[in-house]
Amino acid sequence: MCCQAVGQSHVVRFNDVVSTSGMPRGYSKFSRMLARKYMVALRYYREYAAKVTTGRPDPRTLRAWKLWEDIDKTTGGWLTLTQGILAQITKRNDSAVIAVSSDHILNAAASLLLYNLNPYFDLRCVYSTAEGTFNTTKAMQQVMDRFGPDVVYVAIGNTTQFQEAASEAGMPFVPLQGHEDAHNLLEDLQSVGSSSS
């Protein structure tokens, strides 16, 4: 899909805005600039992920790791716990992790990089919505349309808005309000993983 200016009622994915080739005449200068910005962000995201996975970090990456360690320490290990949850989900071949964020798509991608969650999220599985339950529900519906009806969907989140959207989409909701919820979820995932092995 070509880049388009995105209104508040639209759900955006990286795939929607990363191509300027073949853009028909009539697309605004702003749309072309936005597409270029997304392409640069996508390239940086992929390059950073490659540095992390190959173990060849540059000084900027090392500073980012130090920042991650500081954030993790300050939050009582929240980032490590989140990585543990995502690792349990993604180690199954029949599971996918989807991010639905009310932030701008670039902010959502930057958060994944900053919190070192990018190994668990393919950018094609990052959705951005404008704030509001309707749009979050629409994003969830797009995810369900993409993966089909023969899939079990579970929403994990920390806001009542996300819980309401999950309910409207017919998804079970697992709240993550704090460390206790996260520890319980990780234990549940580990017990499911060990029983299916």
C-alpha atoms as a PDB file:
ATOM      1  CA  MET A   1       0.000   0.000   0.000  1.00  0.00           C
ATOM      2  CA  CYS A   2       1.293   3.461  -0.750  1.00  0.00           C
ATOM      3  CA  CYS A   3       1.819   6.053   1.897  1.00  0.00           C
ATOM      4  CA  GLN A   4      -1.194   8.154   2.732  1.00  0.00           C
ATOM      5  CA  ALA A   5      -1.763  10.839   5.281  1.00  0.00           C
ATOM      6  CA  VAL A   6      -3.356   9.006   8.178  1.00  0.00           C
ATOM      7  CA  GLY A   7      -6.456  10.342   9.860  1.00  0.00           C
ATOM      8  CA  GLN A   8      -7.512   9.595  13.410  1.00  0.00           C
ATOM      9  CA  SER A   9      -9.876   6.795  12.402  1.00  0.00           C
ATOM     10  CA  HIS A  10      -7.208   4.769  10.609  1.00  0.00           C
ATOM     11  CA  VAL A  11      -5.012   1.982  11.873  1.00  0.00           C
ATOM     12  CA  VAL A  12      -1.432   2.146  10.617  1.00  0.00           C
ATOM     13  CA  ARG A  13       1.133  -0.596  10.136  1.00  0.00           C
ATOM     14  CA  PHE A  14       4.675  -0.166   8.853  1.00  0.00           C
ATOM     15  CA  ASN A  15       3.735  -2.029   5.678  1.00  0.00           C
ATOM     16  CA  ASP A  16       1.211   0.694   4.931  1.00  0.00           C
ATOM     17  CA  VAL A  17       3.718   3.501   4.730  1.00  0.00           C
ATOM     18  CA  VAL A  18       7.164   2.232   3.815  1.00  0.00           C
ATOM     19  CA  SER A  19       6.994   2.342   0.036  1.00  0.00           C
ATOM     20  CA  THR A  20       7.331   5.457  -2.080  1.00  0.00           C
ATOM     21  CA  SER A  21       8.067   3.577  -5.292  1.00  0.00           C
ATOM     22  CA  GLY A  22       5.146   3.591  -7.646  1.00  0.00           C
ATOM     23  CA  MET A  23       3.340   6.357  -5.804  1.00  0.00           C
ATOM     24  CA  PRO A  24       0.919   7.840  -8.302  1.00  0.00           C
ATOM     25  CA  ARG A  25       0.915  11.535  -8.973  1.00  0.00           C
ATOM     26  CA  GLY A  26      -1.282  13.473  -6.660  1.00  0.00           C
ATOM     27  CA  TYR A  27       0.262  12.248  -3.417  1.00  0.00           C
ATOM     28  CA  SER A  28       1.267  15.214  -1.371  1.00  0.00           C
ATOM     29  CA  LYS A  29       4.790  16.241  -0.548  1.00  0.00           C
ATOM     30  CA  PHE A  30       3.921  15.481   3.078  1.00  0.00           C
ATOM     31  CA  SER A  31       2.961  11.893   2.175  1.00  0.00           C
ATOM     32  CA  ARG A  32       6.259  11.355   0.378  1.00  0.00           C
ATOM     33  CA  MET A  33       8.217  12.854   3.297  1.00  0.00           C
ATOM     34  CA  LEU A  34       6.318  10.631   5.735  1.00  0.00           C
ATOM     35  CA  ALA A  35       7.078   7.520   3.670  1.00  0.00           C
ATOM     36  CA  ARG A  36      10.798   8.401   3.603  1.00  0.00           C
ATOM     37  CA  LYS A  37      10.772   8.921   7.381  1.00  0.00           C
ATOM     38  CA  TYR A  38       9.236   5.472   7.866  1.00  0.00           C
ATOM     39  CA  MET A  39      11.766   3.872   5.536  1.00  0.00           C
ATOM     40  CA  VAL A  40      14.653   5.364   7.539  1.00  0.00           C
ATOM     41  CA  ALA A  41      13.069   4.179  10.798  1.00  0.00           C
ATOM     42  CA  LEU A  42      12.520   0.702   9.389  1.00  0.00           C
ATOM     43  CA  ARG A  43      16.145   0.513   8.196  1.00  0.00           C
ATOM     44  CA  TYR A  44      17.443   1.662  11.608  1.00  0.00           C
ATOM     45  CA  TYR A  45      15.190  -0.854  13.395  1.00  0.00           C
ATOM     46  CA  ARG A  46      16.499  -3.707  11.247  1.00  0.00           C
ATOM     47  CA  GLU A  47      20.149  -2.593  11.544  1.00  0.00           C
ATOM     48  CA  TYR A  48      19.891  -2.292  15.326  1.00  0.00           C
ATOM     49  CA  ALA A  49      18.237  -5.708  15.581  1.00  0.00           C
ATOM     50  CA  ALA A  50      21.037  -7.192  13.448  1.00  0.00           C
ATOM     51  CA  LYS A  51      23.729  -5.675  15.705  1.00  0.00           C
ATOM     52  CA  VAL A  52      22.051  -7.064  18.777  1.00  0.00           C
ATOM     53  CA  THR A  53      21.607 -10.557  17.353  1.00  0.00           C
ATOM     54  CA  THR A  54      25.116 -10.789  15.844  1.00  0.00           C
ATOM     55  CA  GLY A  55      26.788  -9.507  19.016  1.00  0.00           C
ATOM     56  CA  ARG A  56      28.677  -6.719  17.210  1.00  0.00           C
ATOM     57  CA  PRO A  57      27.390  -3.601  18.943  1.00  0.00           C
ATOM     58  CA  ASP A  58      28.775  -0.159  18.198  1.00  0.00           C
ATOM     59  CA  PRO A  59      29.272   2.470  20.945  1.00  0.00           C
ATOM     60  CA  ARG A  60      25.756   3.866  20.406  1.00  0.00           C
ATOM     61  CA  THR A  61      24.284   0.405  20.868  1.00  0.00           C
ATOM     62  CA  LEU A  62      26.345  -0.105  24.009  1.00  0.00           C
ATOM     63  CA  ARG A  63      24.964   3.175  25.411  1.00  0.00           C
ATOM     64  CA  ALA A  64      21.456   1.969  24.594  1.00  0.00           C
ATOM     65  CA  TRP A  65      22.130  -1.292  26.466  1.00  0.00           C
ATOM     66  CA  LYS A  66      23.367   0.686  29.463  1.00  0.00           C
ATOM     67  CA  LEU A  67      20.200   2.794  29.378  1.00  0.00           C
ATOM     68  CA  TRP A  68      18.142  -0.412  29.190  1.00  0.00           C
ATOM     69  CA  GLU A  69      19.959  -1.796  32.245  1.00  0.00           C
ATOM     70  CA  ASP A  70      19.300   1.437  34.145  1.00  0.00           C
ATOM     71  CA  ILE A  71      15.600   1.385  33.227  1.00  0.00           C
ATOM     72  CA  ASP A  72      15.310  -2.287  34.163  1.00  0.00           C
ATOM     73  CA  LYS A  73      17.001  -1.692  37.511  1.00  0.00           C
ATOM     74  CA  THR A  74      14.841   1.362  38.240  1.00  0.00           C
ATOM     75  CA  THR A  75      11.632  -0.550  37.434  1.00  0.00           C
ATOM     76  CA  GLY A  76      12.547  -3.537  39.583  1.00  0.00           C
ATOM     77  CA  GLY A  77      13.289  -5.868  36.670  1.00  0.00           C
ATOM     78  CA  TRP A  78      10.133  -5.076  34.681  1.00  0.00           C
ATOM     79  CA  LEU A  79      11.922  -5.222  31.326  1.00  0.00           C
ATOM     80  CA  THR A  80      13.588  -8.548  32.122  1.00  0.00           C
ATOM     81  CA  LEU A  81      10.225  -9.914  33.211  1.00  0.00           C
ATOM     82  CA  THR A  82       8.577  -8.670  30.018  1.00  0.00           C
ATOM     83  CA  GLN A  83      11.295 -10.300  27.930  1.00  0.00           C
ATOM     84  CA  GLY A  84      10.725 -13.553  29.809  1.00  0.00           C
ATOM     85  CA  ILE A  85       7.006 -13.444  28.992  1.00  0.00           C
ATOM     86  CA  LEU A  86       7.644 -12.691  25.329  1.00  0.00           C
ATOM     87  CA  ALA A  87      10.328 -15.391  25.118  1.00  0.00           C
ATOM     88  CA  GLN A  88       7.852 -17.958  26.452  1.00  0.00           C
ATOM     89  CA  ILE A  89       5.252 -16.912  23.872  1.00  0.00           C
ATOM     90  CA  THR A  90       7.602 -16.722  20.884  1.00  0.00           C
ATOM     91  CA  LYS A  91       9.388 -20.004  21.522  1.00  0.00           C
ATOM     92  CA  ARG A  92       6.225 -21.775  20.415  1.00  0.00           C
ATOM     93  CA  ASN A  93       6.074 -22.222  16.655  1.00  0.00           C
ATOM     94  CA  ASP A  94       2.329 -21.661  16.649  1.00  0.00           C
ATOM     95  CA  SER A  95       2.368 -18.255  18.364  1.00  0.00           C
ATOM     96  CA  ALA A  96       2.834 -14.665  17.256  1.00  0.00           C
ATOM     97  CA  VAL A  97       3.252 -11.482  19.256  1.00  0.00           C
ATOM     98  CA  ILE A  98       1.396  -8.422  18.004  1.00  0.00           C
ATOM     99  CA  ALA A  99       1.855  -4.900  19.381  1.00  0.00           C
ATOM    100  CA  VAL A 100      -1.085  -2.499  19.309  1.00  0.00           C
ATOM    101  CA  SER A 101      -0.091   0.955  20.478  1.00  0.00           C
ATOM    102  CA  SER A 102      -1.944   4.237  20.777  1.00  0.00           C
ATOM    103  CA  ASP A 103       1.400   5.959  20.121  1.00  0.00           C
ATOM    104  CA  HIS A 104       2.574   7.060  16.706  1.00  0.00           C
ATOM    105  CA  ILE A 105       4.053   4.115  14.774  1.00  0.00           C
ATOM    106  CA  LEU A 106       7.587   5.552  15.034  1.00  0.00           C
ATOM    107  CA  ASN A 107       7.218   6.010  18.791  1.00  0.00           C
ATOM    108  CA  ALA A 108       5.991   2.420  19.098  1.00  0.00           C
ATOM    109  CA  ALA A 109       9.015   1.124  17.153  1.00  0.00           C
ATOM    110  CA  ALA A 110      11.378   3.329  19.184  1.00  0.00           C
ATOM    111  CA  SER A 111       9.891   1.960  22.411  1.00  0.00           C
ATOM    112  CA  LEU A 112      10.460  -1.598  21.228  1.00  0.00           C
ATOM    113  CA  LEU A 113      14.103  -0.733  20.502  1.00  0.00           C
ATOM    114  CA  LEU A 114      14.630   1.164  23.745  1.00  0.00           C
ATOM    115  CA  TYR A 115      13.141  -1.612  25.854  1.00  0.00           C
ATOM    116  CA  ASN A 116      15.022  -4.241  23.809  1.00  0.00           C
ATOM    117  CA  LEU A 117      11.783  -5.962  22.840  1.00  0.00           C
ATOM    118  CA  ASN A 118      12.492  -5.800  19.108  1.00  0.00           C
ATOM    119  CA  PRO A 119      13.659  -9.450  18.914  1.00  0.00           C
ATOM    120  CA  TYR A 120      10.092 -10.475  19.769  1.00  0.00           C
ATOM    121  CA  PHE A 121       8.236  -8.147  17.397  1.00  0.00           C
ATOM    122  CA  ASP A 122       8.371  -8.189  13.633  1.00  0.00           C
ATOM    123  CA  LEU A 123       7.559  -4.656  12.486  1.00  0.00           C
ATOM    124  CA  ARG A 124       4.826  -6.118  10.289  1.00  0.00           C
ATOM    125  CA  CYS A 125       3.122  -7.021  13.568  1.00  0.00           C
ATOM    126  CA  VAL A 126       3.213  -3.530  15.082  1.00  0.00           C
ATOM    127  CA  TYR A 127      -0.032  -1.589  14.830  1.00  0.00           C
ATOM    128  CA  SER A 128      -0.577   2.033  15.752  1.00  0.00           C
ATOM    129  CA  THR A 129      -3.953   3.581  16.470  1.00  0.00           C
ATOM    130  CA  ALA A 130      -5.191   6.980  17.405  1.00  0.00           C
ATOM    131  CA  GLU A 131      -6.407   7.107  20.969  1.00  0.00           C
ATOM    132  CA  GLY A 132      -9.882   5.748  21.538  1.00  0.00           C
ATOM    133  CA  THR A 133     -11.527   2.397  22.086  1.00  0.00           C
ATOM    134  CA  PHE A 134     -12.986   2.317  18.569  1.00  0.00           C
ATOM    135  CA  ASN A 135      -9.570   2.418  16.948  1.00  0.00           C
ATOM    136  CA  THR A 136      -8.010  -0.130  19.279  1.00  0.00           C
ATOM    137  CA  THR A 137     -10.935  -2.440  18.572  1.00  0.00           C
ATOM    138  CA  LYS A 138     -10.441  -1.831  14.855  1.00  0.00           C
ATOM    139  CA  ALA A 139      -6.757  -2.764  15.163  1.00  0.00           C
ATOM    140  CA  MET A 140      -7.674  -5.961  16.988  1.00  0.00           C
ATOM    141  CA  GLN A 141     -10.199  -6.756  14.290  1.00  0.00           C
ATOM    142  CA  GLN A 142      -7.532  -6.244  11.616  1.00  0.00           C
ATOM    143  CA  VAL A 143      -5.240  -8.646  13.480  1.00  0.00           C
ATOM    144  CA  MET A 144      -8.051 -11.212  13.622  1.00  0.00           C
ATOM    145  CA  ASP A 145      -8.793 -10.724   9.912  1.00  0.00           C
ATOM    146  CA  ARG A 146      -5.099 -11.141   9.102  1.00  0.00           C
ATOM    147  CA  PHE A 147      -4.594 -14.399  11.007  1.00  0.00           C
ATOM    148  CA  GLY A 148      -8.063 -15.856  10.500  1.00  0.00           C
ATOM    149  CA  PRO A 149     -10.777 -17.463  12.620  1.00  0.00           C
ATOM    150  CA  ASP A 150      -8.910 -20.679  13.512  1.00  0.00           C
ATOM    151  CA  VAL A 151      -6.548 -18.878  15.893  1.00  0.00           C
ATOM    152  CA  VAL A 152      -6.842 -18.311  19.625  1.00  0.00           C
ATOM    153  CA  TYR A 153      -6.358 -14.634  20.443  1.00  0.00           C
ATOM    154  CA  VAL A 154      -5.397 -13.363  23.883  1.00  0.00           C
ATOM    155  CA  ALA A 155      -4.982  -9.658  24.649  1.00  0.00           C
ATOM    156  CA  ILE A 156      -2.442  -8.676  27.296  1.00  0.00           C
ATOM    157  CA  GLY A 157      -2.419  -5.083  28.449  1.00  0.00           C
ATOM    158  CA  ASN A 158      -2.509  -2.535  31.215  1.00  0.00           C
ATOM    159  CA  THR A 159      -5.340  -0.137  30.410  1.00  0.00           C
ATOM    160  CA  THR A 160      -9.105  -0.289  30.750  1.00  0.00           C
ATOM    161  CA  GLN A 161      -9.308   1.041  27.184  1.00  0.00           C
ATOM    162  CA  PHE A 162      -7.407  -2.007  25.931  1.00  0.00           C
ATOM    163  CA  GLN A 163      -9.531  -4.308  28.102  1.00  0.00           C
ATOM    164  CA  GLU A 164     -12.741  -2.819  26.667  1.00  0.00           C
ATOM    165  CA  ALA A 165     -11.411  -3.162  23.115  1.00  0.00           C
ATOM    166  CA  ALA A 166     -10.488  -6.808  23.762  1.00  0.00           C
ATOM    167  CA  SER A 167     -13.961  -7.448  25.104  1.00  0.00           C
ATOM    168  CA  GLU A 168     -15.553  -5.842  22.032  1.00  0.00           C
ATOM    169  CA  ALA A 169     -13.320  -7.956  19.767  1.00  0.00           C
ATOM    170  CA  GLY A 170     -14.254 -11.095  21.714  1.00  0.00           C
ATOM    171  CA  MET A 171     -10.730 -11.719  23.018  1.00  0.00           C
ATOM    172  CA  PRO A 172      -9.900 -12.886  26.536  1.00  0.00           C
ATOM    173  CA  PHE A 173      -7.929 -10.234  28.385  1.00  0.00           C
ATOM    174  CA  VAL A 174      -4.977 -10.755  30.745  1.00  0.00           C
ATOM    175  CA  PRO A 175      -4.252  -7.631  32.820  1.00  0.00           C
ATOM    176  CA  LEU A 176      -0.668  -6.596  33.458  1.00  0.00           C
ATOM    177  CA  GLN A 177      -0.982  -3.936  36.132  1.00  0.00           C
ATOM    178  CA  GLY A 178       2.234  -4.689  37.972  1.00  0.00           C
ATOM    179  CA  HIS A 179       4.974  -7.135  38.866  1.00  0.00           C
ATOM    180  CA  GLU A 180       2.629  -9.634  40.504  1.00  0.00           C
ATOM    181  CA  ASP A 181       0.472  -9.914  37.347  1.00  0.00           C
ATOM    182  CA  ALA A 182       3.595 -10.277  35.201  1.00  0.00           C
ATOM    183  CA  HIS A 183       5.112 -12.959  37.475  1.00  0.00           C
ATOM    184  CA  ASN A 184       1.815 -14.881  37.454  1.00  0.00           C
ATOM    185  CA  LEU A 185       1.595 -14.704  33.668  1.00  0.00           C
ATOM    186  CA  LEU A 186       5.201 -15.861  33.264  1.00  0.00           C
ATOM    187  CA  GLU A 187       4.613 -18.799  35.625  1.00  0.00           C
ATOM    188  CA  ASP A 188       1.437 -19.757  33.735  1.00  0.00           C
ATOM    189  CA  LEU A 189       3.266 -19.613  30.398  1.00  0.00           C
ATOM    190  CA  GLN A 190       6.159 -21.668  31.756  1.00  0.00           C
ATOM    191  CA  SER A 191       3.804 -24.325  33.132  1.00  0.00           C
ATOM    192  CA  VAL A 192       1.930 -24.508  29.806  1.00  0.00           C
ATOM    193  CA  GLY A 193       5.271 -24.747  27.988  1.00  0.00           C
ATOM    194  CA  SER A 194       6.547 -27.550  30.200  1.00  0.00           C
ATOM    195  CA  SER A 195       3.301 -29.515  29.990  1.00  0.00           C
ATOM    196  CA  SER A 196       3.231 -29.336  26.175  1.00  0.00           C
ATOM    197  CA  SER A 197       6.853 -30.523  25.853  1.00  0.00           C
END
